[in-house]
Amino acid sequence: MKAIQITVDGPLLKQLDADAEAQAHGRSAVIRTALREHLRGKRERLIAAAYQQGYGADGGLGDEFAGWEDQGVWPEK
């Protein structure tokens, strides 16, 4: 791991220090978890936006494939 330096305001640091997970595992572990969750969420939003752009607001396949939705058959359960 590589050590980095960050700046955190006093009230936020006080909240972090009062957190049970931070007390058990340390500030760095909690910040790493938060950063992973942030980056994963950002990636998921980017993927969702790409799907939205690719398939359009209506979620359809476009004029090229119009009518094919009716051809599909779902298997019986």
C-alpha atoms as a PDB file:
ATOM      1  CA  MET A   1       0.000   0.000   0.000  1.00  0.00           C
ATOM      2  CA  LYS A   2       1.008   3.559  -0.514  1.00  0.00           C
ATOM      3  CA  ALA A   3       0.527   6.233   2.141  1.00  0.00           C
ATOM      4  CA  ILE A   4      -1.222   9.421   1.034  1.00  0.00           C
ATOM      5  CA  GLN A   5      -2.130  12.629   2.795  1.00  0.00           C
ATOM      6  CA  ILE A   6      -5.689  14.006   2.746  1.00  0.00           C
ATOM      7  CA  THR A   7      -7.363  16.981   4.364  1.00  0.00           C
ATOM      8  CA  VAL A   8     -10.558  16.443   6.372  1.00  0.00           C
ATOM      9  CA  ASP A   9     -12.530  19.096   8.220  1.00  0.00           C
ATOM     10  CA  GLY A  10     -12.804  18.822  11.989  1.00  0.00           C
ATOM     11  CA  PRO A  11     -16.476  17.790  12.304  1.00  0.00           C
ATOM     12  CA  LEU A  12     -16.097  15.050   9.670  1.00  0.00           C
ATOM     13  CA  LEU A  13     -12.966  13.712  11.360  1.00  0.00           C
ATOM     14  CA  LYS A  14     -14.801  13.701  14.697  1.00  0.00           C
ATOM     15  CA  GLN A  15     -17.622  11.638  13.124  1.00  0.00           C
ATOM     16  CA  LEU A  16     -15.092   9.229  11.617  1.00  0.00           C
ATOM     17  CA  ASP A  17     -13.310   8.796  14.935  1.00  0.00           C
ATOM     18  CA  ALA A  18     -16.635   8.101  16.687  1.00  0.00           C
ATOM     19  CA  ASP A  19     -17.561   5.388  14.157  1.00  0.00           C
ATOM     20  CA  ALA A  20     -17.356   1.843  15.535  1.00  0.00           C
ATOM     21  CA  GLU A  21     -15.844   0.445  12.330  1.00  0.00           C
ATOM     22  CA  ALA A  22     -13.149   3.128  12.333  1.00  0.00           C
ATOM     23  CA  GLN A  23     -12.401   2.355  15.970  1.00  0.00           C
ATOM     24  CA  ALA A  24     -12.163  -1.363  15.236  1.00  0.00           C
ATOM     25  CA  HIS A  25     -10.282  -1.276  11.926  1.00  0.00           C
ATOM     26  CA  GLY A  26      -8.782   2.200  11.728  1.00  0.00           C
ATOM     27  CA  ARG A  27      -9.449   5.353   9.753  1.00  0.00           C
ATOM     28  CA  SER A  28      -7.569   4.167   6.690  1.00  0.00           C
ATOM     29  CA  ALA A  29      -9.636   0.979   6.355  1.00  0.00           C
ATOM     30  CA  VAL A  30     -12.889   2.925   6.504  1.00  0.00           C
ATOM     31  CA  ILE A  31     -11.655   5.495   3.991  1.00  0.00           C
ATOM     32  CA  ARG A  32     -10.459   2.716   1.632  1.00  0.00           C
ATOM     33  CA  THR A  33     -13.895   1.069   1.837  1.00  0.00           C
ATOM     34  CA  ALA A  34     -15.649   4.375   1.148  1.00  0.00           C
ATOM     35  CA  LEU A  35     -13.366   5.042  -1.816  1.00  0.00           C
ATOM     36  CA  ARG A  36     -13.992   1.571  -3.277  1.00  0.00           C
ATOM     37  CA  GLU A  37     -17.758   2.057  -2.920  1.00  0.00           C
ATOM     38  CA  HIS A  38     -17.553   5.504  -4.522  1.00  0.00           C
ATOM     39  CA  LEU A  39     -15.568   4.230  -7.510  1.00  0.00           C
ATOM     40  CA  ARG A  40     -17.820   1.168  -7.948  1.00  0.00           C
ATOM     41  CA  GLY A  41     -20.921   3.375  -7.852  1.00  0.00           C
ATOM     42  CA  LYS A  42     -19.391   5.776 -10.343  1.00  0.00           C
ATOM     43  CA  ARG A  43     -18.574   2.893 -12.701  1.00  0.00           C
ATOM     44  CA  GLU A  44     -22.114   1.518 -12.385  1.00  0.00           C
ATOM     45  CA  ARG A  45     -23.568   4.963 -13.201  1.00  0.00           C
ATOM     46  CA  LEU A  46     -21.315   5.271 -16.251  1.00  0.00           C
ATOM     47  CA  ILE A  47     -22.370   1.824 -17.486  1.00  0.00           C
ATOM     48  CA  ALA A  48     -26.055   2.652 -16.903  1.00  0.00           C
ATOM     49  CA  ALA A  49     -25.635   5.918 -18.825  1.00  0.00           C
ATOM     50  CA  ALA A  50     -23.989   4.053 -21.718  1.00  0.00           C
ATOM     51  CA  TYR A  51     -26.898   1.583 -21.850  1.00  0.00           C
ATOM     52  CA  GLN A  52     -29.353   4.473 -21.706  1.00  0.00           C
ATOM     53  CA  GLN A  53     -27.570   6.214 -24.569  1.00  0.00           C
ATOM     54  CA  GLY A  54     -27.250   3.007 -26.601  1.00  0.00           C
ATOM     55  CA  TYR A  55     -30.805   1.786 -26.222  1.00  0.00           C
ATOM     56  CA  GLY A  56     -32.603   5.099 -25.894  1.00  0.00           C
ATOM     57  CA  ALA A  57     -34.992   6.420 -23.312  1.00  0.00           C
ATOM     58  CA  ASP A  58     -37.731   3.932 -24.243  1.00  0.00           C
ATOM     59  CA  GLY A  59     -35.467   0.914 -23.711  1.00  0.00           C
ATOM     60  CA  GLY A  60     -36.295  -0.406 -27.194  1.00  0.00           C
ATOM     61  CA  LEU A  61     -33.980  -1.684 -29.877  1.00  0.00           C
ATOM     62  CA  GLY A  62     -34.773   1.018 -32.428  1.00  0.00           C
ATOM     63  CA  ASP A  63     -36.505   0.970 -35.795  1.00  0.00           C
ATOM     64  CA  GLU A  64     -34.105  -1.582 -37.259  1.00  0.00           C
ATOM     65  CA  PHE A  65     -35.454  -4.296 -34.973  1.00  0.00           C
ATOM     66  CA  ALA A  66     -39.072  -3.110 -34.707  1.00  0.00           C
ATOM     67  CA  GLY A  67     -41.499  -5.999 -34.406  1.00  0.00           C
ATOM     68  CA  TRP A  68     -38.988  -8.601 -33.283  1.00  0.00           C
ATOM     69  CA  GLU A  69     -40.095  -8.248 -29.678  1.00  0.00           C
ATOM     70  CA  ASP A  70     -43.302 -10.090 -30.624  1.00  0.00           C
ATOM     71  CA  GLN A  71     -41.337 -13.019 -32.095  1.00  0.00           C
ATOM     72  CA  GLY A  72     -39.684 -14.012 -28.848  1.00  0.00           C
ATOM     73  CA  VAL A  73     -41.273 -16.739 -26.729  1.00  0.00           C
ATOM     74  CA  TRP A  74     -40.512 -17.255 -23.060  1.00  0.00           C
ATOM     75  CA  PRO A  75     -40.246 -20.888 -21.977  1.00  0.00           C
ATOM     76  CA  GLU A  76     -42.936 -22.283 -19.720  1.00  0.00           C
ATOM     77  CA  LYS A  77     -41.895 -22.724 -16.112  1.00  0.00           C
END
